[in-house]
Amino acid sequence: NLEGMRRRGFSAEAILDLRRAYKIVYKQGLTLDIALQRLELMMSDSPEVCLLIESLRASERGIVR
């Protein structure tokens, strides 16, 4: 959550990038593969978003949306 990221020292830019990534994955109604492709194209320069992408790709059980 937002407060937890602030407490752990995430920069404002990293938080904004993660919020944008969340909206792409969970709010736009895309398949997971398409959402991940968009994230890779749009935010590949953000290490936090790259970690999110890796985590979602490595998931064997999928995600709940």
Foldseek 3Di string as FASTA:
>chain_A
DVVVCVVVPDDPVLVVLVVVLCCLCPPPPDDNVVSLVVCCVPPVVRPNSVVVSVVQVPDPVHDDD
